[in-house]
Amino acid sequence: MLKLLALALALSLTVMASPAAAARVAVLMSAKVSEYEEALKGFKETAAGHQVAAVYDMDGDLDRGRKQLAEIERRSSPISSSRWGSGRCRR
């Protein structure tokens, strides 16, 4: 179930954007798995107009993932800063 979290989050964020607007997407990866990296690469290549703003790595740790998701939600609120990420994510 955790394995699908990263892709579900990325897809849900892009669906929320209107077709006419580009979206900044944060990706939450449950682990460094080659299939996930390949899916992210494909998303970046085919998601015209959308930008991957940050990629977070849970490293298989559910608690870490929950904290990262909370950070993503906090940073994506309308009153948040336009800067994504901290030292805990890769771009």
PDB file of N, CA and C in Angstrom:
ATOM      1  N   MET A   1       0.818  -1.190   0.000  1.00  0.00           N
ATOM      2  CA  MET A   1       0.000   0.000   0.000  1.00  0.00           C
ATOM      3  C   MET A   1       0.865   1.257   0.000  1.00  0.00           C
ATOM      4  N   LEU A   2       1.924   1.232   0.796  1.00  0.00           N
ATOM      5  CA  LEU A   2       2.816   2.391   0.831  1.00  0.00           C
ATOM      6  C   LEU A   2       3.466   2.636  -0.519  1.00  0.00           C
ATOM      7  N   LYS A   3       3.652   1.560  -1.262  1.00  0.00           N
ATOM      8  CA  LYS A   3       4.315   1.693  -2.559  1.00  0.00           C
ATOM      9  C   LYS A   3       3.505   2.535  -3.528  1.00  0.00           C
ATOM     10  N   LEU A   4       2.197   2.523  -3.373  1.00  0.00           N
ATOM     11  CA  LEU A   4       1.349   3.297  -4.272  1.00  0.00           C
ATOM     12  C   LEU A   4       1.184   4.744  -3.823  1.00  0.00           C
ATOM     13  N   LEU A   5       1.587   5.045  -2.595  1.00  0.00           N
ATOM     14  CA  LEU A   5       1.397   6.388  -2.047  1.00  0.00           C
ATOM     15  C   LEU A   5       2.063   7.462  -2.892  1.00  0.00           C
ATOM     16  N   ALA A   6       3.291   7.211  -3.316  1.00  0.00           N
ATOM     17  CA  ALA A   6       4.027   8.220  -4.084  1.00  0.00           C
ATOM     18  C   ALA A   6       3.329   8.543  -5.401  1.00  0.00           C
ATOM     19  N   LEU A   7       2.948   7.523  -6.119  1.00  0.00           N
ATOM     20  CA  LEU A   7       2.296   7.766  -7.406  1.00  0.00           C
ATOM     21  C   LEU A   7       0.910   8.353  -7.223  1.00  0.00           C
ATOM     22  N   ALA A   8       0.186   7.910  -6.209  1.00  0.00           N
ATOM     23  CA  ALA A   8      -1.152   8.448  -5.965  1.00  0.00           C
ATOM     24  C   ALA A   8      -1.083   9.932  -5.634  1.00  0.00           C
ATOM     25  N   LEU A   9      -0.115  10.309  -4.816  1.00  0.00           N
ATOM     26  CA  LEU A   9       0.033  11.719  -4.460  1.00  0.00           C
ATOM     27  C   LEU A   9       0.364  12.556  -5.689  1.00  0.00           C
ATOM     28  N   ALA A  10       1.301  12.093  -6.477  1.00  0.00           N
ATOM     29  CA  ALA A  10       1.685  12.850  -7.670  1.00  0.00           C
ATOM     30  C   ALA A  10       0.506  12.998  -8.628  1.00  0.00           C
ATOM     31  N   LEU A  11      -0.231  11.930  -8.827  1.00  0.00           N
ATOM     32  CA  LEU A  11      -1.368  11.992  -9.735  1.00  0.00           C
ATOM     33  C   LEU A  11      -2.490  12.854  -9.189  1.00  0.00           C
ATOM     34  N   SER A  12      -2.738  12.771  -7.877  1.00  0.00           N
ATOM     35  CA  SER A  12      -3.824  13.569  -7.319  1.00  0.00           C
ATOM     36  C   SER A  12      -3.514  15.059  -7.389  1.00  0.00           C
ATOM     37  N   LEU A  13      -2.277  15.423  -7.220  1.00  0.00           N
ATOM     38  CA  LEU A  13      -1.917  16.836  -7.305  1.00  0.00           C
ATOM     39  C   LEU A  13      -2.076  17.369  -8.722  1.00  0.00           C
ATOM     40  N   THR A  14      -1.809  16.546  -9.710  1.00  0.00           N
ATOM     41  CA  THR A  14      -1.957  17.017 -11.082  1.00  0.00           C
ATOM     42  C   THR A  14      -3.423  17.072 -11.488  1.00  0.00           C
ATOM     43  N   VAL A  15      -4.246  16.193 -10.951  1.00  0.00           N
ATOM     44  CA  VAL A  15      -5.671  16.200 -11.270  1.00  0.00           C
ATOM     45  C   VAL A  15      -6.338  17.441 -10.707  1.00  0.00           C
ATOM     46  N   MET A  16      -5.868  17.925  -9.552  1.00  0.00           N
ATOM     47  CA  MET A  16      -6.468  19.095  -8.925  1.00  0.00           C
ATOM     48  C   MET A  16      -6.229  20.364  -9.733  1.00  0.00           C
ATOM     49  N   ALA A  17      -5.219  20.384 -10.554  1.00  0.00           N
ATOM     50  CA  ALA A  17      -4.936  21.568 -11.370  1.00  0.00           C
ATOM     51  C   ALA A  17      -5.876  21.589 -12.562  1.00  0.00           C
ATOM     52  N   SER A  18      -6.314  22.767 -12.924  1.00  0.00           N
ATOM     53  CA  SER A  18      -7.188  22.870 -14.090  1.00  0.00           C
ATOM     54  C   SER A  18      -6.367  22.571 -15.337  1.00  0.00           C
ATOM     55  N   PRO A  19      -7.015  22.091 -16.403  1.00  0.00           N
ATOM     56  CA  PRO A  19      -6.274  21.755 -17.613  1.00  0.00           C
ATOM     57  C   PRO A  19      -5.506  22.940 -18.198  1.00  0.00           C
ATOM     58  N   ALA A  20      -5.995  24.142 -17.990  1.00  0.00           N
ATOM     59  CA  ALA A  20      -5.344  25.312 -18.562  1.00  0.00           C
ATOM     60  C   ALA A  20      -4.173  25.804 -17.721  1.00  0.00           C
ATOM     61  N   ALA A  21      -4.059  25.321 -16.490  1.00  0.00           N
ATOM     62  CA  ALA A  21      -3.018  25.813 -15.600  1.00  0.00           C
ATOM     63  C   ALA A  21      -1.948  24.753 -15.371  1.00  0.00           C
ATOM     64  N   ALA A  22      -0.726  25.198 -15.316  1.00  0.00           N
ATOM     65  CA  ALA A  22       0.364  24.294 -14.972  1.00  0.00           C
ATOM     66  C   ALA A  22       0.370  24.093 -13.465  1.00  0.00           C
ATOM     67  N   ALA A  23       0.840  22.935 -13.042  1.00  0.00           N
ATOM     68  CA  ALA A  23       0.889  22.632 -11.617  1.00  0.00           C
ATOM     69  C   ALA A  23       2.325  22.416 -11.174  1.00  0.00           C
ATOM     70  N   ARG A  24       2.595  22.824  -9.961  1.00  0.00           N
ATOM     71  CA  ARG A  24       3.862  22.478  -9.312  1.00  0.00           C
ATOM     72  C   ARG A  24       3.554  21.259  -8.466  1.00  0.00           C
ATOM     73  N   VAL A  25       4.283  20.188  -8.684  1.00  0.00           N
ATOM     74  CA  VAL A  25       3.985  18.904  -8.076  1.00  0.00           C
ATOM     75  C   VAL A  25       5.081  18.512  -7.101  1.00  0.00           C
ATOM     76  N   ALA A  26       4.664  18.059  -5.918  1.00  0.00           N
ATOM     77  CA  ALA A  26       5.593  17.465  -4.959  1.00  0.00           C
ATOM     78  C   ALA A  26       5.369  15.963  -5.004  1.00  0.00           C
ATOM     79  N   VAL A  27       6.447  15.208  -5.074  1.00  0.00           N
ATOM     80  CA  VAL A  27       6.366  13.754  -5.158  1.00  0.00           C
ATOM     81  C   VAL A  27       6.902  13.165  -3.859  1.00  0.00           C
ATOM     82  N   LEU A  28       6.125  12.259  -3.286  1.00  0.00           N
ATOM     83  CA  LEU A  28       6.513  11.564  -2.060  1.00  0.00           C
ATOM     84  C   LEU A  28       6.780  10.114  -2.423  1.00  0.00           C
ATOM     85  N   MET A  29       8.055   9.731  -2.461  1.00  0.00           N
ATOM     86  CA  MET A  29       8.450   8.373  -2.829  1.00  0.00           C
ATOM     87  C   MET A  29       8.584   7.536  -1.566  1.00  0.00           C
ATOM     88  N   SER A  30       7.982   6.350  -1.564  1.00  0.00           N
ATOM     89  CA  SER A  30       8.058   5.506  -0.376  1.00  0.00           C
ATOM     90  C   SER A  30       9.434   4.877  -0.211  1.00  0.00           C
ATOM     91  N   ALA A  31      10.143   4.682  -1.297  1.00  0.00           N
ATOM     92  CA  ALA A  31      11.483   4.096  -1.254  1.00  0.00           C
ATOM     93  C   ALA A  31      12.183   4.349  -2.580  1.00  0.00           C
ATOM     94  N   LYS A  32      13.491   4.201  -2.565  1.00  0.00           N
ATOM     95  CA  LYS A  32      14.262   4.334  -3.804  1.00  0.00           C
ATOM     96  C   LYS A  32      14.188   3.006  -4.540  1.00  0.00           C
ATOM     97  N   VAL A  33      13.224   2.917  -5.421  1.00  0.00           N
ATOM     98  CA  VAL A  33      12.990   1.709  -6.205  1.00  0.00           C
ATOM     99  C   VAL A  33      13.085   2.104  -7.671  1.00  0.00           C
ATOM    100  N   SER A  34      13.764   1.314  -8.454  1.00  0.00           N
ATOM    101  CA  SER A  34      13.997   1.687  -9.849  1.00  0.00           C
ATOM    102  C   SER A  34      12.692   1.914 -10.615  1.00  0.00           C
ATOM    103  N   GLU A  35      11.653   1.131 -10.321  1.00  0.00           N
ATOM    104  CA  GLU A  35      10.377   1.317 -11.008  1.00  0.00           C
ATOM    105  C   GLU A  35       9.764   2.677 -10.672  1.00  0.00           C
ATOM    106  N   TYR A  36       9.895   3.120  -9.438  1.00  0.00           N
ATOM    107  CA  TYR A  36       9.365   4.429  -9.049  1.00  0.00           C
ATOM    108  C   TYR A  36      10.160   5.546  -9.708  1.00  0.00           C
ATOM    109  N   GLU A  37      11.480   5.378  -9.735  1.00  0.00           N
ATOM    110  CA  GLU A  37      12.329   6.380 -10.381  1.00  0.00           C
ATOM    111  C   GLU A  37      11.982   6.477 -11.873  1.00  0.00           C
ATOM    112  N   GLU A  38      11.733   5.326 -12.498  1.00  0.00           N
ATOM    113  CA  GLU A  38      11.365   5.307 -13.911  1.00  0.00           C
ATOM    114  C   GLU A  38      10.010   5.978 -14.134  1.00  0.00           C
ATOM    115  N   ALA A  39       9.052   5.723 -13.229  1.00  0.00           N
ATOM    116  CA  ALA A  39       7.732   6.360 -13.336  1.00  0.00           C
ATOM    117  C   ALA A  39       7.852   7.873 -13.184  1.00  0.00           C
ATOM    118  N   LEU A  40       8.675   8.318 -12.254  1.00  0.00           N
ATOM    119  CA  LEU A  40       8.878   9.751 -12.064  1.00  0.00           C
ATOM    120  C   LEU A  40       9.532  10.368 -13.299  1.00  0.00           C
ATOM    121  N   LYS A  41      10.501   9.682 -13.856  1.00  0.00           N
ATOM    122  CA  LYS A  41      11.155  10.167 -15.070  1.00  0.00           C
ATOM    123  C   LYS A  41      10.127  10.299 -16.203  1.00  0.00           C
ATOM    124  N   GLY A  42       9.273   9.299 -16.346  1.00  0.00           N
ATOM    125  CA  GLY A  42       8.239   9.348 -17.376  1.00  0.00           C
ATOM    126  C   GLY A  42       7.254  10.483 -17.139  1.00  0.00           C
ATOM    127  N   PHE A  43       6.890  10.694 -15.886  1.00  0.00           N
ATOM    128  CA  PHE A  43       5.988  11.800 -15.559  1.00  0.00           C
ATOM    129  C   PHE A  43       6.615  13.127 -15.957  1.00  0.00           C
ATOM    130  N   LYS A  44       7.881  13.318 -15.600  1.00  0.00           N
ATOM    131  CA  LYS A  44       8.565  14.570 -15.920  1.00  0.00           C
ATOM    132  C   LYS A  44       8.628  14.794 -17.432  1.00  0.00           C
ATOM    133  N   GLU A  45       8.806  13.715 -18.181  1.00  0.00           N
ATOM    134  CA  GLU A  45       8.928  13.831 -19.633  1.00  0.00           C
ATOM    135  C   GLU A  45       7.590  14.078 -20.321  1.00  0.00           C
ATOM    136  N   THR A  46       6.498  13.616 -19.733  1.00  0.00           N
ATOM    137  CA  THR A  46       5.214  13.686 -20.421  1.00  0.00           C
ATOM    138  C   THR A  46       4.209  14.665 -19.823  1.00  0.00           C
ATOM    139  N   ALA A  47       4.452  15.175 -18.656  1.00  0.00           N
ATOM    140  CA  ALA A  47       3.500  16.083 -18.004  1.00  0.00           C
ATOM    141  C   ALA A  47       3.768  17.507 -18.465  1.00  0.00           C
ATOM    142  N   ALA A  48       3.369  17.791 -19.666  1.00  0.00           N
ATOM    143  CA  ALA A  48       3.618  19.096 -20.271  1.00  0.00           C
ATOM    144  C   ALA A  48       3.061  20.215 -19.403  1.00  0.00           C
ATOM    145  N   GLY A  49       3.900  21.178 -19.133  1.00  0.00           N
ATOM    146  CA  GLY A  49       3.476  22.344 -18.369  1.00  0.00           C
ATOM    147  C   GLY A  49       3.539  22.170 -16.858  1.00  0.00           C
ATOM    148  N   HIS A  50       3.685  20.944 -16.393  1.00  0.00           N
ATOM    149  CA  HIS A  50       3.755  20.714 -14.948  1.00  0.00           C
ATOM    150  C   HIS A  50       5.214  20.625 -14.519  1.00  0.00           C
ATOM    151  N   GLN A  51       5.496  21.112 -13.331  1.00  0.00           N
ATOM    152  CA  GLN A  51       6.860  21.128 -12.822  1.00  0.00           C
ATOM    153  C   GLN A  51       6.929  20.314 -11.537  1.00  0.00           C
ATOM    154  N   VAL A  52       7.889  19.402 -11.453  1.00  0.00           N
ATOM    155  CA  VAL A  52       8.123  18.681 -10.204  1.00  0.00           C
ATOM    156  C   VAL A  52       8.948  19.619  -9.330  1.00  0.00           C
ATOM    157  N   ALA A  53       8.305  20.168  -8.306  1.00  0.00           N
ATOM    158  CA  ALA A  53       8.950  21.154  -7.445  1.00  0.00           C
ATOM    159  C   ALA A  53       9.873  20.507  -6.437  1.00  0.00           C
ATOM    160  N   ALA A  54       9.520  19.303  -5.973  1.00  0.00           N
ATOM    161  CA  ALA A  54      10.344  18.619  -4.980  1.00  0.00           C
ATOM    162  C   ALA A  54      10.016  17.142  -4.982  1.00  0.00           C
ATOM    163  N   VAL A  55      11.027  16.334  -4.670  1.00  0.00           N
ATOM    164  CA  VAL A  55      10.843  14.893  -4.520  1.00  0.00           C
ATOM    165  C   VAL A  55      11.304  14.533  -3.115  1.00  0.00           C
ATOM    166  N   TYR A  56      10.391  13.994  -2.333  1.00  0.00           N
ATOM    167  CA  TYR A  56      10.685  13.580  -0.968  1.00  0.00           C
ATOM    168  C   TYR A  56      10.864  12.073  -0.939  1.00  0.00           C
ATOM    169  N   ASP A  57      11.815  11.591  -0.160  1.00  0.00           N
ATOM    170  CA  ASP A  57      12.097  10.162  -0.054  1.00  0.00           C
ATOM    171  C   ASP A  57      11.787   9.691   1.362  1.00  0.00           C
ATOM    172  N   MET A  58      10.771   8.840   1.484  1.00  0.00           N
ATOM    173  CA  MET A  58      10.391   8.297   2.794  1.00  0.00           C
ATOM    174  C   MET A  58      11.425   7.296   3.299  1.00  0.00           C
ATOM    175  N   ASP A  59      12.215   6.745   2.408  1.00  0.00           N
ATOM    176  CA  ASP A  59      13.214   5.738   2.743  1.00  0.00           C
ATOM    177  C   ASP A  59      12.578   4.568   3.501  1.00  0.00           C
ATOM    178  N   GLY A  60      11.340   4.224   3.122  1.00  0.00           N
ATOM    179  CA  GLY A  60      10.642   3.102   3.735  1.00  0.00           C
ATOM    180  C   GLY A  60      10.109   3.359   5.132  1.00  0.00           C
ATOM    181  N   ASP A  61      10.196   4.590   5.614  1.00  0.00           N
ATOM    182  CA  ASP A  61       9.801   4.936   6.981  1.00  0.00           C
ATOM    183  C   ASP A  61       8.454   5.669   6.962  1.00  0.00           C
ATOM    184  N   LEU A  62       7.413   5.001   7.456  1.00  0.00           N
ATOM    185  CA  LEU A  62       6.066   5.566   7.424  1.00  0.00           C
ATOM    186  C   LEU A  62       5.972   6.868   8.221  1.00  0.00           C
ATOM    187  N   ASP A  63       6.598   6.923   9.397  1.00  0.00           N
ATOM    188  CA  ASP A  63       6.559   8.153  10.191  1.00  0.00           C
ATOM    189  C   ASP A  63       7.238   9.309   9.462  1.00  0.00           C
ATOM    190  N   ARG A  64       8.348   9.026   8.827  1.00  0.00           N
ATOM    191  CA  ARG A  64       9.041  10.056   8.044  1.00  0.00           C
ATOM    192  C   ARG A  64       8.140  10.539   6.906  1.00  0.00           C
ATOM    193  N   GLY A  65       7.455   9.604   6.258  1.00  0.00           N
ATOM    194  CA  GLY A  65       6.537   9.954   5.176  1.00  0.00           C
ATOM    195  C   GLY A  65       5.397  10.836   5.651  1.00  0.00           C
ATOM    196  N   ARG A  66       4.866  10.537   6.831  1.00  0.00           N
ATOM    197  CA  ARG A  66       3.788  11.366   7.382  1.00  0.00           C
ATOM    198  C   ARG A  66       4.271  12.790   7.644  1.00  0.00           C
ATOM    199  N   LYS A  67       5.488  12.920   8.154  1.00  0.00           N
ATOM    200  CA  LYS A  67       6.054  14.249   8.403  1.00  0.00           C
ATOM    201  C   LYS A  67       6.272  14.992   7.085  1.00  0.00           C
ATOM    202  N   GLN A  68       6.766  14.278   6.090  1.00  0.00           N
ATOM    203  CA  GLN A  68       6.995  14.910   4.792  1.00  0.00           C
ATOM    204  C   GLN A  68       5.680  15.322   4.144  1.00  0.00           C
ATOM    205  N   LEU A  69       4.648  14.485   4.275  1.00  0.00           N
ATOM    206  CA  LEU A  69       3.343  14.836   3.729  1.00  0.00           C
ATOM    207  C   LEU A  69       2.781  16.073   4.424  1.00  0.00           C
ATOM    208  N   ALA A  70       2.962  16.154   5.737  1.00  0.00           N
ATOM    209  CA  ALA A  70       2.507  17.336   6.476  1.00  0.00           C
ATOM    210  C   ALA A  70       3.242  18.580   5.974  1.00  0.00           C
ATOM    211  N   GLU A  71       4.532  18.437   5.684  1.00  0.00           N
ATOM    212  CA  GLU A  71       5.306  19.572   5.159  1.00  0.00           C
ATOM    213  C   GLU A  71       4.789  19.964   3.776  1.00  0.00           C
ATOM    214  N   ILE A  72       4.498  18.976   2.940  1.00  0.00           N
ATOM    215  CA  ILE A  72       3.964  19.258   1.604  1.00  0.00           C
ATOM    216  C   ILE A  72       2.642  20.000   1.718  1.00  0.00           C
ATOM    217  N   GLU A  73       1.763  19.506   2.585  1.00  0.00           N
ATOM    218  CA  GLU A  73       0.457  20.156   2.760  1.00  0.00           C
ATOM    219  C   GLU A  73       0.608  21.567   3.294  1.00  0.00           C
ATOM    220  N   ARG A  74       1.517  21.763   4.241  1.00  0.00           N
ATOM    221  CA  ARG A  74       1.752  23.098   4.796  1.00  0.00           C
ATOM    222  C   ARG A  74       2.275  24.046   3.726  1.00  0.00           C
ATOM    223  N   ARG A  75       3.195  23.579   2.927  1.00  0.00           N
ATOM    224  CA  ARG A  75       3.798  24.429   1.898  1.00  0.00           C
ATOM    225  C   ARG A  75       2.874  24.668   0.717  1.00  0.00           C
ATOM    226  N   SER A  76       1.869  23.830   0.534  1.00  0.00           N
ATOM    227  CA  SER A  76       0.969  24.023  -0.601  1.00  0.00           C
ATOM    228  C   SER A  76      -0.269  24.828  -0.237  1.00  0.00           C
ATOM    229  N   SER A  77      -0.372  25.259   1.018  1.00  0.00           N
ATOM    230  CA  SER A  77      -1.513  26.089   1.398  1.00  0.00           C
ATOM    231  C   SER A  77      -1.369  27.464   0.761  1.00  0.00           C
ATOM    232  N   PRO A  78      -2.482  28.139   0.512  1.00  0.00           N
ATOM    233  CA  PRO A  78      -2.433  29.441  -0.170  1.00  0.00           C
ATOM    234  C   PRO A  78      -1.614  30.498   0.558  1.00  0.00           C
ATOM    235  N   ILE A  79      -1.467  30.375   1.867  1.00  0.00           N
ATOM    236  CA  ILE A  79      -0.727  31.401   2.606  1.00  0.00           C
ATOM    237  C   ILE A  79       0.736  31.043   2.803  1.00  0.00           C
ATOM    238  N   SER A  80       1.152  29.905   2.256  1.00  0.00           N
ATOM    239  CA  SER A  80       2.535  29.467   2.470  1.00  0.00           C
ATOM    240  C   SER A  80       3.490  30.174   1.527  1.00  0.00           C
ATOM    241  N   SER A  81       4.737  29.978   1.802  1.00  0.00           N
ATOM    242  CA  SER A  81       5.805  30.522   0.969  1.00  0.00           C
ATOM    243  C   SER A  81       5.785  29.845  -0.393  1.00  0.00           C
ATOM    244  N   SER A  82       6.323  30.504  -1.387  1.00  0.00           N
ATOM    245  CA  SER A  82       6.387  29.910  -2.715  1.00  0.00           C
ATOM    246  C   SER A  82       7.567  28.954  -2.848  1.00  0.00           C
ATOM    247  N   ARG A  83       8.418  28.874  -1.851  1.00  0.00           N
ATOM    248  CA  ARG A  83       9.574  27.982  -1.898  1.00  0.00           C
ATOM    249  C   ARG A  83       9.175  26.597  -1.404  1.00  0.00           C
ATOM    250  N   TRP A  84       9.631  25.577  -2.069  1.00  0.00           N
ATOM    251  CA  TRP A  84       9.344  24.190  -1.697  1.00  0.00           C
ATOM    252  C   TRP A  84      10.571  23.606  -1.044  1.00  0.00           C
ATOM    253  N   GLY A  85      10.300  22.650  -0.187  1.00  0.00           N
ATOM    254  CA  GLY A  85      11.347  21.797   0.331  1.00  0.00           C
ATOM    255  C   GLY A  85      12.197  22.432   1.404  1.00  0.00           C
ATOM    256  N   SER A  86      12.999  21.595   1.948  1.00  0.00           N
ATOM    257  CA  SER A  86      13.971  21.982   2.952  1.00  0.00           C
ATOM    258  C   SER A  86      15.169  21.108   2.717  1.00  0.00           C
ATOM    259  N   GLY A  87      16.007  20.961   3.682  1.00  0.00           N
ATOM    260  CA  GLY A  87      17.156  20.093   3.527  1.00  0.00           C
ATOM    261  C   GLY A  87      16.781  18.626   3.459  1.00  0.00           C
ATOM    262  N   ARG A  88      15.503  18.302   3.646  1.00  0.00           N
ATOM    263  CA  ARG A  88      15.085  16.915   3.701  1.00  0.00           C
ATOM    264  C   ARG A  88      14.546  16.380   2.385  1.00  0.00           C
ATOM    265  N   CYS A  89      14.636  17.125   1.332  1.00  0.00           N
ATOM    266  CA  CYS A  89      14.147  16.607   0.061  1.00  0.00           C
ATOM    267  C   CYS A  89      15.181  16.857  -1.019  1.00  0.00           C
ATOM    268  N   ARG A  90      15.024  16.133  -2.094  1.00  0.00           N
ATOM    269  CA  ARG A  90      15.896  16.368  -3.238  1.00  0.00           C
ATOM    270  C   ARG A  90      15.077  17.003  -4.328  1.00  0.00           C
ATOM    271  N   ARG A  91      15.700  17.770  -5.155  1.00  0.00           N
ATOM    272  CA  ARG A  91      14.947  18.472  -6.216  1.00  0.00           C
ATOM    273  C   ARG A  91      15.361  17.980  -7.557  1.00  0.00           C
TER     274      ARG A  91
END
